[in-house]
Amino acid sequence: MHKIQYPLSVLYRFILAFGIGYICSYLLSLSLIDLFYPYLAKAESIYLAAFSALIFYIIFVIFSFCIQSLRKLSTIILSLLSMLFLLSKLVG
């Protein structure tokens, strides 16, 4: 059973880190574009939001592999995803 459980947990961690991390960075960039647009030019707000989302994505992936418990990682990531989704709906 351990031969099957460990590769599945690694696959689950990869999906959380890279897949949901990409979705979170996308939602963050949408929110940041809407926040920066009144103060900066359109191109500058897009570049700044994309660069900030890229830094967020790198930090997200690093911290996803630093947290040992998959249950704790899932809780943190899903709460962050819901918070960013609500932020993108409220701002945009």
N, C-alpha and C. Protein backbone atom coordinates (compact mmCIF):
# COMPACT_ATOMS: atom_id res chain seq x y z
N MET A 1 0.81 -1.19 0.00
CA MET A 1 0.00 0.00 0.00
C MET A 1 0.85 1.26 0.00
N HIS A 2 2.00 1.19 0.66
CA HIS A 2 2.88 2.35 0.72
C HIS A 2 3.48 2.66 -0.64
N LYS A 3 3.63 1.63 -1.48
CA LYS A 3 4.17 1.85 -2.82
C LYS A 3 3.23 2.71 -3.67
N ILE A 4 1.95 2.65 -3.40
CA ILE A 4 0.97 3.44 -4.15
C ILE A 4 0.72 4.78 -3.48
N GLN A 5 0.71 4.81 -2.16
CA GLN A 5 0.34 6.02 -1.43
C GLN A 5 1.37 7.13 -1.58
N TYR A 6 2.63 6.83 -1.52
CA TYR A 6 3.67 7.85 -1.60
C TYR A 6 3.69 8.54 -2.98
N PRO A 7 3.67 7.82 -4.10
CA PRO A 7 3.64 8.54 -5.39
C PRO A 7 2.38 9.37 -5.58
N LEU A 8 1.26 8.91 -5.05
CA LEU A 8 0.03 9.71 -5.14
C LEU A 8 0.10 10.98 -4.31
N SER A 9 0.73 10.90 -3.15
CA SER A 9 0.88 12.11 -2.33
C SER A 9 1.85 13.09 -2.99
N VAL A 10 2.88 12.59 -3.64
CA VAL A 10 3.80 13.47 -4.36
C VAL A 10 3.09 14.12 -5.55
N LEU A 11 2.29 13.34 -6.27
CA LEU A 11 1.52 13.88 -7.40
C LEU A 11 0.53 14.93 -6.91
N TYR A 12 -0.13 14.67 -5.80
CA TYR A 12 -1.08 15.63 -5.22
C TYR A 12 -0.38 16.92 -4.84
N ARG A 13 0.82 16.81 -4.27
CA ARG A 13 1.58 18.01 -3.89
C ARG A 13 2.00 18.79 -5.13
N PHE A 14 2.41 18.11 -6.19
CA PHE A 14 2.77 18.79 -7.44
C PHE A 14 1.57 19.51 -8.04
N ILE A 15 0.41 18.86 -8.01
CA ILE A 15 -0.79 19.49 -8.56
C ILE A 15 -1.17 20.72 -7.73
N LEU A 16 -1.08 20.61 -6.42
CA LEU A 16 -1.36 21.76 -5.58
C LEU A 16 -0.36 22.88 -5.81
N ALA A 17 0.91 22.54 -5.87
CA ALA A 17 1.93 23.57 -5.98
C ALA A 17 1.89 24.27 -7.33
N PHE A 18 1.87 23.51 -8.40
CA PHE A 18 1.99 24.12 -9.72
C PHE A 18 0.64 24.48 -10.34
N GLY A 19 -0.35 23.62 -10.19
CA GLY A 19 -1.65 23.89 -10.80
C GLY A 19 -2.44 24.97 -10.08
N ILE A 20 -2.65 24.77 -8.78
CA ILE A 20 -3.41 25.74 -8.02
C ILE A 20 -2.57 27.00 -7.80
N GLY A 21 -1.26 26.85 -7.76
CA GLY A 21 -0.40 28.03 -7.67
C GLY A 21 -0.54 28.92 -8.89
N TYR A 22 -0.67 28.31 -10.06
CA TYR A 22 -0.88 29.09 -11.28
C TYR A 22 -2.23 29.81 -11.24
N ILE A 23 -3.26 29.13 -10.77
CA ILE A 23 -4.57 29.75 -10.68
C ILE A 23 -4.56 30.90 -9.68
N CYS A 24 -3.88 30.71 -8.55
CA CYS A 24 -3.78 31.78 -7.55
C CYS A 24 -3.01 32.98 -8.10
N SER A 25 -1.93 32.73 -8.82
CA SER A 25 -1.18 33.86 -9.37
C SER A 25 -1.97 34.57 -10.46
N TYR A 26 -2.78 33.82 -11.22
CA TYR A 26 -3.66 34.44 -12.22
C TYR A 26 -4.68 35.35 -11.55
N LEU A 27 -5.33 34.86 -10.49
CA LEU A 27 -6.31 35.67 -9.78
C LEU A 27 -5.66 36.89 -9.13
N LEU A 28 -4.45 36.71 -8.61
CA LEU A 28 -3.73 37.84 -8.02
C LEU A 28 -3.40 38.89 -9.07
N SER A 29 -2.97 38.46 -10.24
CA SER A 29 -2.63 39.44 -11.28
C SER A 29 -3.86 40.17 -11.77
N LEU A 30 -5.01 39.50 -11.85
CA LEU A 30 -6.24 40.20 -12.23
C LEU A 30 -6.62 41.26 -11.21
N SER A 31 -6.49 40.93 -9.94
CA SER A 31 -6.82 41.89 -8.89
C SER A 31 -5.84 43.05 -8.88
N LEU A 32 -4.56 42.75 -9.06
CA LEU A 32 -3.56 43.82 -9.05
C LEU A 32 -3.70 44.75 -10.25
N ILE A 33 -4.07 44.22 -11.39
CA ILE A 33 -4.28 45.09 -12.56
C ILE A 33 -5.41 46.07 -12.27
N ASP A 34 -6.49 45.58 -11.68
CA ASP A 34 -7.60 46.47 -11.36
C ASP A 34 -7.25 47.47 -10.27
N LEU A 35 -6.36 47.07 -9.36
CA LEU A 35 -5.94 48.01 -8.31
C LEU A 35 -4.96 49.05 -8.81
N PHE A 36 -4.06 48.67 -9.72
CA PHE A 36 -3.04 49.60 -10.21
C PHE A 36 -3.53 50.50 -11.34
N TYR A 37 -4.58 50.09 -12.03
CA TYR A 37 -5.01 50.80 -13.23
C TYR A 37 -5.37 52.27 -12.99
N PRO A 38 -6.03 52.65 -11.88
CA PRO A 38 -6.34 54.08 -11.70
C PRO A 38 -5.12 54.95 -11.44
N TYR A 39 -4.03 54.35 -10.96
CA TYR A 39 -2.87 55.14 -10.56
C TYR A 39 -1.74 55.12 -11.58
N LEU A 40 -1.66 54.10 -12.40
CA LEU A 40 -0.58 53.96 -13.38
C LEU A 40 -1.18 53.84 -14.77
N ALA A 41 -0.32 53.95 -15.77
CA ALA A 41 -0.77 53.71 -17.13
C ALA A 41 -1.13 52.22 -17.28
N LYS A 42 -1.90 51.92 -18.32
CA LYS A 42 -2.39 50.55 -18.48
C LYS A 42 -1.25 49.54 -18.64
N ALA A 43 -0.27 49.87 -19.48
CA ALA A 43 0.84 48.94 -19.70
C ALA A 43 1.67 48.77 -18.43
N GLU A 44 1.90 49.85 -17.70
CA GLU A 44 2.68 49.76 -16.47
C GLU A 44 1.95 48.94 -15.41
N SER A 45 0.63 49.10 -15.32
CA SER A 45 -0.11 48.32 -14.33
C SER A 45 -0.10 46.84 -14.68
N ILE A 46 -0.14 46.52 -15.98
CA ILE A 46 -0.09 45.11 -16.40
C ILE A 46 1.28 44.52 -16.11
N TYR A 47 2.34 45.24 -16.42
CA TYR A 47 3.70 44.74 -16.16
C TYR A 47 3.96 44.57 -14.68
N LEU A 48 3.54 45.53 -13.88
CA LEU A 48 3.76 45.44 -12.44
C LEU A 48 2.95 44.29 -11.83
N ALA A 49 1.72 44.12 -12.28
CA ALA A 49 0.90 43.01 -11.78
C ALA A 49 1.47 41.66 -12.20
N ALA A 50 1.95 41.56 -13.43
CA ALA A 50 2.52 40.29 -13.89
C ALA A 50 3.80 39.95 -13.14
N PHE A 51 4.65 40.95 -12.90
CA PHE A 51 5.89 40.71 -12.17
C PHE A 51 5.59 40.32 -10.72
N SER A 52 4.62 40.99 -10.11
CA SER A 52 4.24 40.65 -8.73
C SER A 52 3.65 39.24 -8.66
N ALA A 53 2.85 38.88 -9.65
CA ALA A 53 2.27 37.54 -9.67
C ALA A 53 3.33 36.47 -9.89
N LEU A 54 4.34 36.78 -10.68
CA LEU A 54 5.44 35.84 -10.89
C LEU A 54 6.22 35.60 -9.60
N ILE A 55 6.51 36.65 -8.87
CA ILE A 55 7.19 36.51 -7.58
C ILE A 55 6.32 35.73 -6.61
N PHE A 56 5.01 36.02 -6.60
CA PHE A 56 4.08 35.28 -5.75
C PHE A 56 4.09 33.79 -6.10
N TYR A 57 4.10 33.48 -7.39
CA TYR A 57 4.09 32.08 -7.83
C TYR A 57 5.34 31.33 -7.38
N ILE A 58 6.48 31.97 -7.48
CA ILE A 58 7.73 31.33 -7.05
C ILE A 58 7.71 31.07 -5.55
N ILE A 59 7.28 32.05 -4.77
CA ILE A 59 7.20 31.88 -3.32
C ILE A 59 6.16 30.82 -2.96
N PHE A 60 5.05 30.81 -3.69
CA PHE A 60 3.99 29.82 -3.46
C PHE A 60 4.51 28.40 -3.66
N VAL A 61 5.24 28.17 -4.73
CA VAL A 61 5.76 26.83 -5.01
C VAL A 61 6.80 26.43 -3.97
N ILE A 62 7.65 27.34 -3.57
CA ILE A 62 8.66 27.01 -2.56
C ILE A 62 7.99 26.64 -1.24
N PHE A 63 7.02 27.44 -0.81
CA PHE A 63 6.36 27.13 0.45
C PHE A 63 5.47 25.89 0.37
N SER A 64 5.01 25.56 -0.82
CA SER A 64 4.20 24.34 -0.96
C SER A 64 5.03 23.10 -0.69
N PHE A 65 6.31 23.15 -0.99
CA PHE A 65 7.16 22.00 -0.72
C PHE A 65 7.82 22.06 0.65
N CYS A 66 7.67 23.18 1.37
CA CYS A 66 8.23 23.28 2.71
C CYS A 66 7.27 22.76 3.78
N ILE A 67 5.98 22.81 3.51
CA ILE A 67 4.98 22.35 4.48
C ILE A 67 4.88 20.83 4.40
N GLN A 68 5.04 20.16 5.53
CA GLN A 68 5.09 18.70 5.56
C GLN A 68 3.72 18.05 5.44
N SER A 69 2.74 18.57 6.16
CA SER A 69 1.43 17.94 6.22
C SER A 69 0.60 18.30 4.99
N LEU A 70 0.08 17.27 4.31
CA LEU A 70 -0.75 17.53 3.13
C LEU A 70 -2.10 18.11 3.52
N ARG A 71 -2.61 17.75 4.66
CA ARG A 71 -3.88 18.30 5.12
C ARG A 71 -3.75 19.79 5.42
N LYS A 72 -2.68 20.16 6.10
CA LYS A 72 -2.44 21.58 6.41
C LYS A 72 -2.18 22.36 5.12
N LEU A 73 -1.41 21.78 4.21
CA LEU A 73 -1.13 22.43 2.93
C LEU A 73 -2.41 22.63 2.13
N SER A 74 -3.27 21.63 2.09
CA SER A 74 -4.54 21.74 1.36
C SER A 74 -5.42 22.83 1.96
N THR A 75 -5.47 22.89 3.28
CA THR A 75 -6.28 23.91 3.95
C THR A 75 -5.77 25.31 3.65
N ILE A 76 -4.48 25.49 3.73
CA ILE A 76 -3.89 26.81 3.47
C ILE A 76 -4.11 27.22 2.01
N ILE A 77 -3.87 26.30 1.09
CA ILE A 77 -3.98 26.63 -0.33
C ILE A 77 -5.42 26.90 -0.73
N LEU A 78 -6.36 26.11 -0.24
CA LEU A 78 -7.75 26.33 -0.60
C LEU A 78 -8.31 27.61 0.03
N SER A 79 -7.87 27.95 1.23
CA SER A 79 -8.30 29.21 1.82
C SER A 79 -7.70 30.40 1.07
N LEU A 80 -6.45 30.28 0.65
CA LEU A 80 -5.82 31.34 -0.14
C LEU A 80 -6.49 31.48 -1.50
N LEU A 81 -6.83 30.36 -2.11
CA LEU A 81 -7.52 30.39 -3.40
C LEU A 81 -8.89 31.04 -3.28
N SER A 82 -9.62 30.71 -2.25
CA SER A 82 -10.94 31.33 -2.07
C SER A 82 -10.82 32.81 -1.76
N MET A 83 -9.81 33.20 -0.97
CA MET A 83 -9.60 34.61 -0.67
C MET A 83 -9.24 35.40 -1.93
N LEU A 84 -8.37 34.86 -2.77
CA LEU A 84 -8.00 35.54 -4.01
C LEU A 84 -9.16 35.58 -5.00
N PHE A 85 -9.99 34.53 -5.02
CA PHE A 85 -11.15 34.53 -5.88
C PHE A 85 -12.14 35.62 -5.45
N LEU A 86 -12.40 35.71 -4.15
CA LEU A 86 -13.29 36.75 -3.66
C LEU A 86 -12.71 38.15 -3.90
N LEU A 87 -11.41 38.30 -3.75
CA LEU A 87 -10.77 39.59 -4.00
C LEU A 87 -10.90 39.97 -5.47
N SER A 88 -10.73 39.02 -6.36
CA SER A 88 -10.85 39.34 -7.78
C SER A 88 -12.28 39.69 -8.16
N LYS A 89 -13.26 39.08 -7.49
CA LYS A 89 -14.66 39.40 -7.77
C LYS A 89 -15.05 40.74 -7.16
N LEU A 90 -14.50 41.08 -6.01
CA LEU A 90 -14.85 42.34 -5.36
C LEU A 90 -14.16 43.53 -6.02
N VAL A 91 -12.92 43.36 -6.42
CA VAL A 91 -12.17 44.45 -7.02
C VAL A 91 -12.57 44.63 -8.49
N GLY A 92 -12.67 43.52 -9.22
CA GLY A 92 -12.91 43.58 -10.65
C GLY A 92 -14.31 43.62 -11.05
